[in-house]
Amino acid sequence: MASHGAIQRPSAATRSDSPLDSSNPRASTAGTNWSNFKRAEFKLVCPFNIPSSPEAAALRIIKNLSHFALYYTHFVWIILFISLIPKRKLSLILLVIMTYIGSLFLLLLRAVPSSNIVHKILDKRVVLPLIFVATVVQLVVTDAGLHLLVTLAGSLPFVLVHAVLWVREDFSVEEEGYVGGGRGSGGDGASGELLPLVQESSSMV
């Protein structure tokens, strides 16, 4: 009865100084060295730039054409497909059939990646050009050759501009151009392009 109406203060033993208590700032910072954490830097990287020399531009075109070959082909194919829709229905059907054959061929090569016999007999460097030539012949025979020329004339400039200006994501260190000496004081010819991070890390080891 003596304690009735009196204010009871919680004892020190009931306080939670556990590191799991997020409401206790002293406990949350215990054992944490905030100097080890650095604020992340935000960088806006533009994937396009102008090559330093004509040789660097040619090298970049070759690399981007091999890297984005599938995307460039889809871009040209979509434009050709749209141009054939209004009047060239037969040419459109033949284009779809040849595209289907090419897709089946690529799926076959991917299904058996370890078969040297299949890859040696059905070499894609031979089969894919044959499919392309057969498609062109079919378009010319069905009076769609003009559509093909107009499509190539309208799409290839965009492809070349992209191939010249695009910088690959896996390239980080830019070398000096072919013209005007070598890299630093070494004197050996620079590639005028960007070297991959893998090569950089392996050279440091």
Protein backbone atom coordinates (compact mmCIF):
# COMPACT_ATOMS: atom_id res chain seq x y z
CA MET A 1 0.00 0.00 0.00
CA ALA A 2 2.97 2.29 0.58
CA SER A 3 3.90 2.11 -3.04
CA HIS A 4 0.41 3.04 -4.23
CA GLY A 5 0.52 6.22 -6.27
CA ALA A 6 4.32 6.32 -6.40
CA ILE A 7 6.20 6.40 -9.70
CA GLN A 8 8.33 3.35 -10.23
CA ARG A 9 11.43 3.88 -12.36
CA PRO A 10 12.67 0.95 -14.46
CA SER A 11 15.86 -0.57 -13.21
CA ALA A 12 19.06 -0.54 -15.18
CA ALA A 13 18.79 -4.27 -15.73
CA THR A 14 15.59 -3.87 -17.74
CA ARG A 15 17.20 -1.53 -20.29
CA SER A 16 17.93 -3.08 -23.64
CA ASP A 17 21.42 -2.30 -24.83
CA SER A 18 21.34 -5.14 -27.33
CA PRO A 19 22.81 -4.42 -30.79
CA LEU A 20 19.53 -5.69 -32.24
CA ASP A 21 17.61 -2.78 -30.70
CA SER A 22 17.38 -0.29 -33.55
CA SER A 23 15.83 2.38 -31.25
CA ASN A 24 19.05 2.67 -29.30
CA PRO A 25 21.52 4.75 -31.39
CA ARG A 26 24.41 4.01 -29.04
CA ALA A 27 23.88 0.27 -29.42
CA SER A 28 23.43 0.43 -33.19
CA THR A 29 26.73 2.23 -33.65
CA ALA A 30 28.64 -0.04 -31.30
CA GLY A 31 31.35 -1.99 -33.07
CA THR A 32 30.77 -0.16 -36.38
CA ASN A 33 33.48 1.96 -37.91
CA TRP A 34 31.62 4.39 -40.13
CA SER A 35 34.86 5.69 -41.62
CA ASN A 36 35.08 2.48 -43.65
CA PHE A 37 31.95 3.42 -45.59
CA LYS A 38 32.29 5.91 -48.41
CA ARG A 39 29.53 7.70 -50.18
CA ALA A 40 28.87 6.18 -53.59
CA GLU A 41 29.80 8.42 -56.47
CA PHE A 42 27.30 8.92 -59.26
CA LYS A 43 28.77 9.07 -62.74
CA LEU A 44 26.86 9.67 -65.95
CA VAL A 45 28.65 7.69 -68.67
CA CYS A 46 27.87 8.33 -72.32
CA PRO A 47 28.25 5.16 -74.43
CA PHE A 48 29.02 7.19 -77.57
CA ASN A 49 32.17 9.04 -78.53
CA ILE A 50 34.08 9.96 -81.66
CA PRO A 51 37.07 7.74 -82.56
CA SER A 52 40.48 9.33 -82.29
CA SER A 53 41.63 8.27 -85.77
CA PRO A 54 40.32 6.58 -88.94
CA GLU A 55 42.14 3.38 -87.95
CA ALA A 56 40.41 3.41 -84.56
CA ALA A 57 37.06 3.97 -86.29
CA ALA A 58 37.64 1.00 -88.61
CA LEU A 59 38.63 -1.22 -85.69
CA ARG A 60 35.56 -0.14 -83.72
CA ILE A 61 33.27 -0.84 -86.69
CA ILE A 62 34.66 -4.37 -87.03
CA LYS A 63 34.23 -5.11 -83.33
CA ASN A 64 30.72 -3.66 -83.09
CA LEU A 65 29.56 -5.41 -86.26
CA SER A 66 30.63 -8.74 -84.81
CA HIS A 67 29.19 -7.94 -81.39
CA PHE A 68 25.83 -6.50 -82.51
CA ALA A 69 25.41 -8.57 -85.68
CA LEU A 70 22.15 -10.14 -84.48
CA TYR A 71 20.65 -6.80 -83.48
CA TYR A 72 21.67 -5.13 -86.73
CA THR A 73 20.15 -8.02 -88.69
CA HIS A 74 16.88 -7.73 -86.77
CA PHE A 75 16.80 -3.99 -87.41
CA VAL A 76 17.20 -4.41 -91.19
CA TRP A 77 14.80 -7.39 -91.22
CA ILE A 78 12.02 -5.44 -89.49
CA ILE A 79 12.29 -2.57 -91.95
CA LEU A 80 12.26 -4.98 -94.91
CA PHE A 81 9.31 -6.87 -93.42
CA ILE A 82 7.28 -3.67 -93.03
CA SER A 83 8.11 -2.53 -96.57
CA LEU A 84 6.89 -5.85 -98.03
CA ILE A 85 3.53 -5.89 -96.24
CA PRO A 86 1.46 -3.70 -98.60
CA LYS A 87 1.95 -5.39 -102.00
CA ARG A 88 4.61 -8.13 -101.90
CA LYS A 89 2.79 -10.90 -100.03
CA LEU A 90 4.66 -13.73 -101.79
CA SER A 91 8.02 -12.10 -101.06
CA LEU A 92 6.95 -11.65 -97.47
CA ILE A 93 6.08 -15.35 -97.12
CA LEU A 94 9.42 -16.40 -98.63
CA LEU A 95 11.26 -14.02 -96.29
CA VAL A 96 9.54 -15.55 -93.27
CA ILE A 97 10.34 -19.08 -94.49
CA MET A 98 14.04 -18.32 -94.96
CA THR A 99 14.14 -16.61 -91.58
CA TYR A 100 12.59 -19.70 -90.02
CA ILE A 101 15.20 -21.92 -91.69
CA GLY A 102 18.01 -19.71 -90.42
CA SER A 103 16.59 -19.75 -86.88
CA LEU A 104 16.33 -23.55 -86.91
CA PHE A 105 19.94 -23.78 -88.06
CA LEU A 106 21.15 -21.55 -85.22
CA LEU A 107 19.08 -23.50 -82.71
CA LEU A 108 20.62 -26.73 -83.98
CA LEU A 109 24.13 -25.38 -83.47
CA ARG A 110 23.24 -24.23 -79.97
CA ALA A 111 21.62 -27.56 -79.10
CA VAL A 112 24.83 -29.48 -79.86
CA PRO A 113 27.64 -27.09 -78.87
CA SER A 114 30.12 -29.91 -78.21
CA SER A 115 29.61 -31.77 -81.48
CA ASN A 116 32.58 -31.02 -83.69
CA ILE A 117 31.13 -33.05 -86.57
CA VAL A 118 27.97 -30.94 -86.78
CA HIS A 119 29.87 -27.67 -86.48
CA LYS A 120 32.40 -28.81 -89.09
CA ILE A 121 29.82 -30.00 -91.61
CA LEU A 122 27.35 -27.18 -90.98
CA ASP A 123 29.77 -24.31 -90.62
CA LYS A 124 27.77 -21.15 -89.93
CA ARG A 125 30.30 -19.07 -91.87
CA VAL A 126 29.16 -21.00 -94.96
CA VAL A 127 25.51 -21.79 -94.23
CA LEU A 128 24.41 -18.32 -93.13
CA PRO A 129 25.80 -16.59 -96.26
CA LEU A 130 24.05 -19.23 -98.39
CA ILE A 131 20.75 -18.52 -96.64
CA PHE A 132 21.28 -14.79 -97.19
CA VAL A 133 22.05 -15.27 -100.88
CA ALA A 134 19.01 -17.54 -101.32
CA THR A 135 16.82 -14.91 -99.64
CA VAL A 136 18.14 -12.17 -101.91
CA VAL A 137 17.55 -14.32 -105.02
CA GLN A 138 13.99 -15.07 -103.93
CA LEU A 139 13.27 -11.39 -103.31
CA VAL A 140 14.65 -10.46 -106.75
CA VAL A 141 12.68 -13.21 -108.50
CA THR A 142 9.44 -12.08 -106.81
CA ASP A 143 10.01 -8.45 -107.88
CA ALA A 144 10.99 -7.26 -104.40
CA GLY A 145 14.59 -6.40 -105.24
CA LEU A 146 13.81 -2.67 -105.18
CA HIS A 147 12.38 -2.99 -101.69
CA LEU A 148 15.59 -4.71 -100.58
CA LEU A 149 17.80 -1.98 -102.07
CA VAL A 150 15.74 0.80 -100.52
CA THR A 151 15.78 -0.96 -97.16
CA LEU A 152 19.56 -1.44 -97.23
CA ALA A 153 20.13 2.15 -98.38
CA GLY A 154 17.96 3.47 -95.55
CA SER A 155 19.12 1.23 -92.71
CA LEU A 156 22.84 0.69 -93.31
CA PRO A 157 23.79 4.35 -92.60
CA PHE A 158 22.20 4.08 -89.15
CA VAL A 159 24.00 0.80 -88.54
CA LEU A 160 27.37 2.26 -89.54
CA VAL A 161 26.88 5.39 -87.43
CA HIS A 162 26.03 3.26 -84.40
CA ALA A 163 29.01 0.97 -85.03
CA VAL A 164 31.38 3.95 -85.27
CA LEU A 165 30.16 5.85 -82.21
CA TRP A 166 29.27 3.06 -79.80
CA VAL A 167 31.83 2.18 -77.15
CA ARG A 168 31.62 -1.37 -75.83
CA GLU A 169 30.63 -1.70 -72.14
CA ASP A 170 33.49 -4.09 -71.34
CA PHE A 171 36.13 -1.63 -72.54
CA SER A 172 37.55 0.83 -70.03
CA VAL A 173 41.07 2.02 -70.87
CA GLU A 174 41.43 4.14 -73.98
CA GLU A 175 44.61 3.86 -75.94
CA GLU A 176 46.18 6.52 -78.11
CA GLY A 177 45.65 6.50 -81.85
CA TYR A 178 47.66 4.65 -84.44
CA VAL A 179 49.12 7.90 -85.75
CA GLY A 180 51.54 9.85 -83.62
CA GLY A 181 53.69 7.31 -81.85
CA GLY A 182 53.07 4.63 -79.30
CA ARG A 183 51.65 4.38 -75.83
CA GLY A 184 53.45 6.54 -73.30
CA SER A 185 57.19 6.17 -73.67
CA GLY A 186 57.08 2.59 -74.89
CA GLY A 187 56.78 3.53 -78.54
CA ASP A 188 54.86 0.42 -79.54
CA GLY A 189 51.80 1.05 -81.69
CA ALA A 190 48.62 1.65 -79.77
CA SER A 191 45.40 0.14 -80.85
CA GLY A 192 43.37 3.36 -80.78
CA GLU A 193 40.56 1.52 -79.03
CA LEU A 194 39.56 0.54 -75.53
CA LEU A 195 41.12 -2.44 -73.79
CA PRO A 196 38.96 -4.86 -71.79
CA LEU A 197 39.12 -4.92 -68.01
CA VAL A 198 40.08 -8.61 -68.11
CA GLN A 199 43.27 -7.90 -69.98
CA GLU A 200 44.10 -5.05 -67.62
CA SER A 201 43.72 -7.14 -64.48
CA SER A 202 45.66 -10.07 -65.92
CA SER A 203 48.56 -7.83 -66.95
CA MET A 204 48.82 -6.42 -63.43
CA VAL A 205 49.21 -9.95 -62.03
